[in-house]
Amino acid sequence: MRKILSILIILLILTSISTFAQSEKCDINKLLIIHENMDNLTFQMIEDFLFTFDESCENNVEYSEWSTELLFKVIDKWTNLYFKVLTSEKITNDNCILKTFSDPLLDYNFQKIYDKIKVVETVENIKSCYLNVLIEIAKNDGLEIER
């Protein structure tokens, strides 16, 4: 009887963990927190925001548009903190985040963002990926980034 009870408890815990992890993806409430606190973001807020990015969100138009807009705003305003969070061991969806970054929906000052990322102290290959994406985005818009 104890063995069955133990197995049921383990299954319940695993189900709860799985449900929690899935609820983070495409979470509009996390976007709202970022939007409302843009002037006072914390490591945890940005981390929670980054956890929401997932390829399954591509079909969620409201989430996709707003998350892309907020991603650019966070990187522009909180460049150092963004890259600290991005390079933390907990973030495992960095390719999905970079893919979102590479497809902006609005016009941004790509040169300004490029300049901010260029001087940030972070993992060089991650920084290079973001800089190269900005060069391509600008090029597609008929602009040239000054390096």
N, C-alpha and C. Protein backbone atom coordinates (compact mmCIF):
# COMPACT_ATOMS: atom_id res chain seq x y z
N MET A 1 0.81 -1.19 0.00
CA MET A 1 0.00 0.00 0.00
C MET A 1 0.87 1.27 0.00
N ARG A 2 1.93 1.24 0.77
CA ARG A 2 2.83 2.40 0.82
C ARG A 2 3.49 2.64 -0.53
N LYS A 3 3.80 1.56 -1.20
CA LYS A 3 4.45 1.67 -2.50
C LYS A 3 3.51 2.33 -3.51
N ILE A 4 2.26 1.94 -3.50
CA ILE A 4 1.26 2.53 -4.40
C ILE A 4 1.07 4.00 -4.07
N LEU A 5 0.99 4.33 -2.79
CA LEU A 5 0.83 5.71 -2.35
C LEU A 5 2.03 6.55 -2.78
N SER A 6 3.22 6.01 -2.65
CA SER A 6 4.43 6.71 -3.07
C SER A 6 4.42 6.98 -4.57
N ILE A 7 4.02 5.98 -5.33
CA ILE A 7 3.96 6.15 -6.79
C ILE A 7 2.93 7.21 -7.16
N LEU A 8 1.79 7.20 -6.51
CA LEU A 8 0.76 8.21 -6.78
C LEU A 8 1.25 9.61 -6.45
N ILE A 9 1.97 9.76 -5.37
CA ILE A 9 2.51 11.06 -4.99
C ILE A 9 3.52 11.54 -6.01
N ILE A 10 4.40 10.64 -6.45
CA ILE A 10 5.39 10.99 -7.46
C ILE A 10 4.71 11.41 -8.75
N LEU A 11 3.69 10.67 -9.19
CA LEU A 11 2.96 11.02 -10.40
C LEU A 11 2.28 12.39 -10.27
N LEU A 12 1.72 12.65 -9.11
CA LEU A 12 1.08 13.94 -8.87
C LEU A 12 2.09 15.08 -8.95
N ILE A 13 3.24 14.89 -8.37
CA ILE A 13 4.29 15.91 -8.40
C ILE A 13 4.77 16.13 -9.84
N LEU A 14 5.01 15.06 -10.58
CA LEU A 14 5.45 15.19 -11.96
C LEU A 14 4.41 15.89 -12.83
N THR A 15 3.15 15.57 -12.61
CA THR A 15 2.07 16.23 -13.36
C THR A 15 2.02 17.71 -13.02
N SER A 16 2.20 18.05 -11.77
CA SER A 16 2.18 19.46 -11.36
C SER A 16 3.33 20.23 -11.98
N ILE A 17 4.51 19.61 -12.00
CA ILE A 17 5.67 20.26 -12.58
C ILE A 17 5.45 20.47 -14.07
N SER A 18 4.94 19.47 -14.75
CA SER A 18 4.69 19.57 -16.18
C SER A 18 3.66 20.65 -16.48
N THR A 19 2.59 20.70 -15.72
CA THR A 19 1.56 21.71 -15.91
C THR A 19 2.12 23.10 -15.67
N PHE A 20 2.94 23.26 -14.63
CA PHE A 20 3.54 24.56 -14.35
C PHE A 20 4.44 25.00 -15.49
N ALA A 21 5.26 24.09 -15.99
CA ALA A 21 6.18 24.43 -17.08
C ALA A 21 5.41 24.84 -18.32
N GLN A 22 4.34 24.14 -18.63
CA GLN A 22 3.56 24.47 -19.82
C GLN A 22 2.84 25.80 -19.66
N SER A 23 2.45 26.12 -18.43
CA SER A 23 1.71 27.37 -18.23
C SER A 23 2.59 28.60 -18.44
N GLU A 24 3.90 28.42 -18.35
CA GLU A 24 4.81 29.54 -18.56
C GLU A 24 4.86 29.96 -20.03
N LYS A 25 4.71 29.00 -20.92
CA LYS A 25 4.83 29.28 -22.34
C LYS A 25 3.66 30.14 -22.81
N CYS A 26 3.97 31.16 -23.61
CA CYS A 26 2.96 32.03 -24.23
C CYS A 26 2.10 32.75 -23.20
N ASP A 27 2.61 32.97 -22.02
CA ASP A 27 1.83 33.55 -20.92
C ASP A 27 1.70 35.06 -21.08
N ILE A 28 0.51 35.51 -21.46
CA ILE A 28 0.22 36.93 -21.65
C ILE A 28 0.39 37.71 -20.34
N ASN A 29 0.11 37.08 -19.21
CA ASN A 29 0.24 37.76 -17.92
C ASN A 29 1.69 38.16 -17.65
N LYS A 30 2.63 37.34 -18.08
CA LYS A 30 4.05 37.69 -17.91
C LYS A 30 4.41 38.90 -18.79
N LEU A 31 3.78 38.98 -19.95
CA LEU A 31 4.01 40.13 -20.83
C LEU A 31 3.46 41.40 -20.18
N LEU A 32 2.31 41.27 -19.57
CA LEU A 32 1.69 42.41 -18.90
C LEU A 32 2.59 42.92 -17.77
N ILE A 33 3.19 42.01 -17.03
CA ILE A 33 4.10 42.41 -15.95
C ILE A 33 5.28 43.20 -16.51
N ILE A 34 5.84 42.74 -17.62
CA ILE A 34 6.96 43.46 -18.25
C ILE A 34 6.50 44.84 -18.71
N HIS A 35 5.36 44.88 -19.36
CA HIS A 35 4.82 46.14 -19.86
C HIS A 35 4.59 47.15 -18.72
N GLU A 36 3.99 46.69 -17.66
CA GLU A 36 3.65 47.59 -16.54
C GLU A 36 4.87 48.01 -15.73
N ASN A 37 5.93 47.25 -15.78
CA ASN A 37 7.11 47.53 -14.95
C ASN A 37 8.35 47.86 -15.77
N MET A 38 8.17 48.31 -16.99
CA MET A 38 9.30 48.53 -17.90
C MET A 38 10.39 49.42 -17.28
N ASP A 39 10.02 50.34 -16.44
CA ASP A 39 11.02 51.23 -15.83
C ASP A 39 11.69 50.63 -14.60
N ASN A 40 11.19 49.49 -14.12
CA ASN A 40 11.70 48.90 -12.89
C ASN A 40 11.83 47.38 -12.98
N LEU A 41 12.33 46.90 -14.09
CA LEU A 41 12.42 45.45 -14.25
C LEU A 41 13.49 44.85 -13.36
N THR A 42 13.24 43.62 -12.96
CA THR A 42 14.20 42.86 -12.15
C THR A 42 14.67 41.65 -12.95
N PHE A 43 15.70 41.03 -12.44
CA PHE A 43 16.22 39.80 -13.04
C PHE A 43 15.08 38.78 -13.17
N GLN A 44 14.33 38.60 -12.09
CA GLN A 44 13.26 37.61 -12.07
C GLN A 44 12.17 37.92 -13.08
N MET A 45 11.81 39.17 -13.22
CA MET A 45 10.78 39.55 -14.19
C MET A 45 11.22 39.22 -15.61
N ILE A 46 12.46 39.55 -15.93
CA ILE A 46 12.97 39.28 -17.27
C ILE A 46 13.09 37.77 -17.48
N GLU A 47 13.54 37.07 -16.47
CA GLU A 47 13.64 35.62 -16.58
C GLU A 47 12.27 35.00 -16.84
N ASP A 48 11.27 35.40 -16.08
CA ASP A 48 9.91 34.89 -16.28
C ASP A 48 9.42 35.21 -17.68
N PHE A 49 9.72 36.39 -18.16
CA PHE A 49 9.36 36.81 -19.51
C PHE A 49 10.02 35.90 -20.55
N LEU A 50 11.30 35.64 -20.40
CA LEU A 50 12.01 34.82 -21.37
C LEU A 50 11.53 33.37 -21.36
N PHE A 51 11.08 32.89 -20.22
CA PHE A 51 10.53 31.54 -20.15
C PHE A 51 9.27 31.38 -21.00
N THR A 52 8.60 32.47 -21.31
CA THR A 52 7.35 32.37 -22.07
C THR A 52 7.58 32.07 -23.54
N PHE A 53 8.77 32.31 -24.05
CA PHE A 53 9.06 32.11 -25.48
C PHE A 53 9.13 30.62 -25.81
N ASP A 54 8.38 30.25 -26.82
CA ASP A 54 8.37 28.86 -27.26
C ASP A 54 7.84 28.83 -28.69
N GLU A 55 8.31 27.87 -29.47
CA GLU A 55 7.86 27.77 -30.85
C GLU A 55 6.36 27.54 -30.94
N SER A 56 5.77 26.95 -29.93
CA SER A 56 4.32 26.72 -29.93
C SER A 56 3.53 28.02 -29.88
N CYS A 57 4.19 29.12 -29.55
CA CYS A 57 3.51 30.42 -29.45
C CYS A 57 3.33 31.09 -30.80
N GLU A 58 3.96 30.56 -31.84
CA GLU A 58 3.88 31.20 -33.16
C GLU A 58 2.46 31.35 -33.65
N ASN A 59 1.57 30.44 -33.25
CA ASN A 59 0.17 30.50 -33.69
C ASN A 59 -0.68 31.43 -32.84
N ASN A 60 -0.11 31.92 -31.75
CA ASN A 60 -0.82 32.84 -30.87
C ASN A 60 -0.44 34.27 -31.27
N VAL A 61 -1.25 34.88 -32.14
CA VAL A 61 -0.91 36.17 -32.73
C VAL A 61 -0.75 37.25 -31.68
N GLU A 62 -1.67 37.31 -30.74
CA GLU A 62 -1.60 38.34 -29.69
C GLU A 62 -0.29 38.22 -28.91
N TYR A 63 0.04 37.00 -28.49
CA TYR A 63 1.27 36.79 -27.75
C TYR A 63 2.49 37.13 -28.62
N SER A 64 2.52 36.62 -29.85
CA SER A 64 3.69 36.79 -30.72
C SER A 64 4.01 38.26 -30.98
N GLU A 65 3.00 39.03 -31.31
CA GLU A 65 3.23 40.44 -31.61
C GLU A 65 3.70 41.20 -30.38
N TRP A 66 3.01 40.98 -29.27
CA TRP A 66 3.35 41.74 -28.07
C TRP A 66 4.69 41.30 -27.50
N SER A 67 4.99 40.03 -27.51
CA SER A 67 6.26 39.55 -26.96
C SER A 67 7.44 40.07 -27.79
N THR A 68 7.26 40.14 -29.10
CA THR A 68 8.33 40.66 -29.96
C THR A 68 8.58 42.13 -29.66
N GLU A 69 7.51 42.90 -29.54
CA GLU A 69 7.64 44.32 -29.22
C GLU A 69 8.33 44.51 -27.87
N LEU A 70 7.90 43.74 -26.87
CA LEU A 70 8.49 43.88 -25.54
C LEU A 70 9.94 43.40 -25.51
N LEU A 71 10.25 42.39 -26.30
CA LEU A 71 11.63 41.90 -26.36
C LEU A 71 12.57 43.01 -26.79
N PHE A 72 12.20 43.73 -27.84
CA PHE A 72 13.04 44.84 -28.30
C PHE A 72 13.12 45.95 -27.25
N LYS A 73 12.02 46.24 -26.61
CA LYS A 73 12.03 47.28 -25.58
C LYS A 73 12.91 46.89 -24.40
N VAL A 74 12.83 45.63 -23.98
CA VAL A 74 13.65 45.17 -22.86
C VAL A 74 15.13 45.22 -23.23
N ILE A 75 15.46 44.73 -24.41
CA ILE A 75 16.87 44.74 -24.84
C ILE A 75 17.38 46.17 -24.95
N ASP A 76 16.56 47.07 -25.45
CA ASP A 76 16.97 48.46 -25.61
C ASP A 76 17.16 49.14 -24.26
N LYS A 77 16.24 48.93 -23.35
CA LYS A 77 16.26 49.66 -22.07
C LYS A 77 17.09 48.95 -21.00
N TRP A 78 17.14 47.65 -21.04
CA TRP A 78 17.79 46.85 -19.99
C TRP A 78 18.83 45.90 -20.59
N THR A 79 19.67 46.40 -21.46
CA THR A 79 20.61 45.58 -22.22
C THR A 79 21.46 44.69 -21.32
N ASN A 80 22.12 45.26 -20.35
CA ASN A 80 23.01 44.48 -19.48
C ASN A 80 22.24 43.41 -18.72
N LEU A 81 21.14 43.80 -18.12
CA LEU A 81 20.35 42.85 -17.34
C LEU A 81 19.78 41.76 -18.23
N TYR A 82 19.32 42.13 -19.41
CA TYR A 82 18.79 41.15 -20.35
C TYR A 82 19.82 40.06 -20.64
N PHE A 83 21.04 40.46 -20.94
CA PHE A 83 22.07 39.47 -21.28
C PHE A 83 22.52 38.67 -20.07
N LYS A 84 22.45 39.25 -18.88
CA LYS A 84 22.74 38.46 -17.67
C LYS A 84 21.70 37.36 -17.51
N VAL A 85 20.45 37.70 -17.71
CA VAL A 85 19.38 36.72 -17.60
C VAL A 85 19.51 35.68 -18.71
N LEU A 86 19.72 36.15 -19.92
CA LEU A 86 19.80 35.25 -21.07
C LEU A 86 20.90 34.21 -20.91
N THR A 87 22.00 34.60 -20.32
CA THR A 87 23.13 33.68 -20.18
C THR A 87 23.11 32.91 -18.86
N SER A 88 22.05 33.07 -18.09
CA SER A 88 21.93 32.27 -16.87
C SER A 88 21.66 30.83 -17.26
N GLU A 89 21.94 29.94 -16.37
CA GLU A 89 21.80 28.52 -16.67
C GLU A 89 20.36 28.08 -16.85
N LYS A 90 19.42 28.87 -16.37
CA LYS A 90 18.01 28.47 -16.43
C LYS A 90 17.40 28.67 -17.82
N ILE A 91 17.94 29.58 -18.59
CA ILE A 91 17.36 29.88 -19.91
C ILE A 91 17.86 28.85 -20.91
N THR A 92 16.94 28.05 -21.41
CA THR A 92 17.30 27.00 -22.36
C THR A 92 16.64 27.20 -23.72
N ASN A 93 15.82 28.23 -23.84
CA ASN A 93 15.10 28.48 -25.09
C ASN A 93 15.70 29.67 -25.85
N ASP A 94 17.01 29.88 -25.70
CA ASP A 94 17.65 31.06 -26.28
C ASP A 94 17.57 31.08 -27.81
N ASN A 95 17.53 29.92 -28.46
CA ASN A 95 17.37 29.92 -29.92
C ASN A 95 16.01 30.44 -30.35
N CYS A 96 14.99 30.07 -29.61
CA CYS A 96 13.64 30.56 -29.90
C CYS A 96 13.57 32.07 -29.67
N ILE A 97 14.20 32.55 -28.63
CA ILE A 97 14.21 33.99 -28.34
C ILE A 97 14.94 34.73 -29.45
N LEU A 98 16.08 34.22 -29.89
CA LEU A 98 16.84 34.85 -30.97
C LEU A 98 16.03 34.85 -32.27
N LYS A 99 15.31 33.78 -32.52
CA LYS A 99 14.45 33.71 -33.71
C LYS A 99 13.38 34.81 -33.66
N THR A 100 12.79 35.01 -32.50
CA THR A 100 11.80 36.08 -32.33
C THR A 100 12.45 37.43 -32.56
N PHE A 101 13.64 37.62 -32.01
CA PHE A 101 14.39 38.87 -32.16
C PHE A 101 14.68 39.16 -33.63
N SER A 102 14.89 38.12 -34.41
CA SER A 102 15.27 38.30 -35.81
C SER A 102 14.11 38.68 -36.72
N ASP A 103 12.91 38.76 -36.16
CA ASP A 103 11.73 39.07 -36.96
C ASP A 103 10.90 40.19 -36.32
N PRO A 104 11.48 41.40 -36.25
CA PRO A 104 10.73 42.50 -35.61
C PRO A 104 9.52 42.90 -36.44
N LEU A 105 8.48 43.30 -35.74
CA LEU A 105 7.25 43.70 -36.41
C LEU A 105 7.17 45.20 -36.63
N LEU A 106 7.97 45.93 -35.89
CA LEU A 106 7.97 47.39 -35.97
C LEU A 106 9.36 47.89 -36.34
N ASP A 107 9.44 49.15 -36.67
CA ASP A 107 10.75 49.76 -36.92
C ASP A 107 11.33 50.21 -35.59
N TYR A 108 12.55 49.83 -35.36
CA TYR A 108 13.26 50.23 -34.16
C TYR A 108 14.53 50.94 -34.60
N ASN A 109 15.17 51.58 -33.66
CA ASN A 109 16.47 52.19 -33.94
C ASN A 109 17.51 51.08 -33.79
N PHE A 110 17.70 50.33 -34.88
CA PHE A 110 18.59 49.18 -34.85
C PHE A 110 20.03 49.57 -34.53
N GLN A 111 20.45 50.75 -35.00
CA GLN A 111 21.82 51.21 -34.70
C GLN A 111 22.00 51.42 -33.20
N LYS A 112 21.02 52.04 -32.58
CA LYS A 112 21.08 52.30 -31.13
C LYS A 112 21.17 50.98 -30.36
N ILE A 113 20.34 50.01 -30.72
CA ILE A 113 20.36 48.71 -30.04
C ILE A 113 21.68 48.00 -30.31
N TYR A 114 22.16 48.08 -31.55
CA TYR A 114 23.44 47.47 -31.91
C TYR A 114 24.56 48.04 -31.03
N ASP A 115 24.59 49.36 -30.90
CA ASP A 115 25.63 50.01 -30.11
C ASP A 115 25.57 49.58 -28.64
N LYS A 116 24.39 49.41 -28.12
CA LYS A 116 24.24 48.97 -26.72
C LYS A 116 24.71 47.54 -26.53
N ILE A 117 24.34 46.68 -27.47
CA ILE A 117 24.73 45.27 -27.36
C ILE A 117 26.24 45.13 -27.57
N LYS A 118 26.80 45.92 -28.46
CA LYS A 118 28.23 45.84 -28.79
C LYS A 118 29.11 46.01 -27.55
N VAL A 119 28.70 46.85 -26.61
CA VAL A 119 29.54 47.12 -25.45
C VAL A 119 29.16 46.30 -24.21
N VAL A 120 28.10 45.53 -24.30
CA VAL A 120 27.69 44.76 -23.13
C VAL A 120 28.70 43.64 -22.87
N GLU A 121 28.96 43.38 -21.60
CA GLU A 121 29.87 42.30 -21.23
C GLU A 121 29.05 41.04 -21.06
N THR A 122 29.20 40.14 -22.01
CA THR A 122 28.46 38.89 -21.99
C THR A 122 29.23 37.86 -22.81
N VAL A 123 28.66 36.70 -22.96
CA VAL A 123 29.28 35.63 -23.75
C VAL A 123 29.41 36.11 -25.19
N GLU A 124 30.62 36.07 -25.72
CA GLU A 124 30.90 36.65 -27.04
C GLU A 124 30.07 36.04 -28.17
N ASN A 125 29.90 34.73 -28.17
CA ASN A 125 29.16 34.14 -29.29
C ASN A 125 27.68 34.52 -29.26
N ILE A 126 27.13 34.70 -28.08
CA ILE A 126 25.73 35.15 -27.98
C ILE A 126 25.63 36.60 -28.44
N LYS A 127 26.55 37.42 -27.99
CA LYS A 127 26.57 38.82 -28.41
C LYS A 127 26.71 38.92 -29.92
N SER A 128 27.60 38.13 -30.49
CA SER A 128 27.80 38.14 -31.94
C SER A 128 26.54 37.75 -32.69
N CYS A 129 25.82 36.77 -32.17
CA CYS A 129 24.57 36.35 -32.82
C CYS A 129 23.58 37.51 -32.88
N TYR A 130 23.42 38.22 -31.78
CA TYR A 130 22.49 39.35 -31.75
C TYR A 130 22.96 40.48 -32.67
N LEU A 131 24.25 40.75 -32.66
CA LEU A 131 24.78 41.81 -33.53
C LEU A 131 24.59 41.46 -35.00
N ASN A 132 24.86 40.21 -35.35
CA ASN A 132 24.69 39.77 -36.73
C ASN A 132 23.22 39.82 -37.16
N VAL A 133 22.33 39.47 -36.28
CA VAL A 133 20.90 39.55 -36.58
C VAL A 133 20.51 41.00 -36.84
N LEU A 134 21.00 41.91 -36.02
CA LEU A 134 20.68 43.33 -36.22
C LEU A 134 21.21 43.84 -37.56
N ILE A 135 22.39 43.39 -37.95
CA ILE A 135 22.95 43.79 -39.24
C ILE A 135 22.03 43.31 -40.36
N GLU A 136 21.57 42.08 -40.27
CA GLU A 136 20.67 41.52 -41.29
C GLU A 136 19.31 42.22 -41.32
N ILE A 137 18.75 42.48 -40.15
CA ILE A 137 17.46 43.16 -40.07
C ILE A 137 17.56 44.53 -40.74
N ALA A 138 18.60 45.27 -40.38
CA ALA A 138 18.79 46.60 -40.95
C ALA A 138 18.98 46.51 -42.46
N LYS A 139 19.77 45.56 -42.90
CA LYS A 139 20.02 45.36 -44.32
C LYS A 139 18.71 45.10 -45.07
N ASN A 140 17.85 44.26 -44.49
CA ASN A 140 16.55 43.96 -45.10
C ASN A 140 15.63 45.19 -45.17
N ASP A 141 15.88 46.15 -44.28
CA ASP A 141 15.13 47.40 -44.29
C ASP A 141 15.82 48.48 -45.13
N GLY A 142 16.89 48.11 -45.81
CA GLY A 142 17.61 49.07 -46.63
C GLY A 142 18.53 49.98 -45.84
N LEU A 143 18.87 49.57 -44.63
CA LEU A 143 19.74 50.37 -43.76
C LEU A 143 21.08 49.67 -43.59
N GLU A 144 22.06 50.41 -43.13
CA GLU A 144 23.35 49.81 -42.86
C GLU A 144 23.78 50.19 -41.45
N ILE A 145 24.17 49.18 -40.70
CA ILE A 145 24.64 49.38 -39.32
C ILE A 145 26.11 49.80 -39.37
N GLU A 146 26.42 50.86 -38.67
CA GLU A 146 27.83 51.25 -38.53
C GLU A 146 28.43 50.42 -37.42
N ARG A 147 29.48 49.72 -37.77
CA ARG A 147 30.11 48.82 -36.80
C ARG A 147 31.19 49.54 -36.12
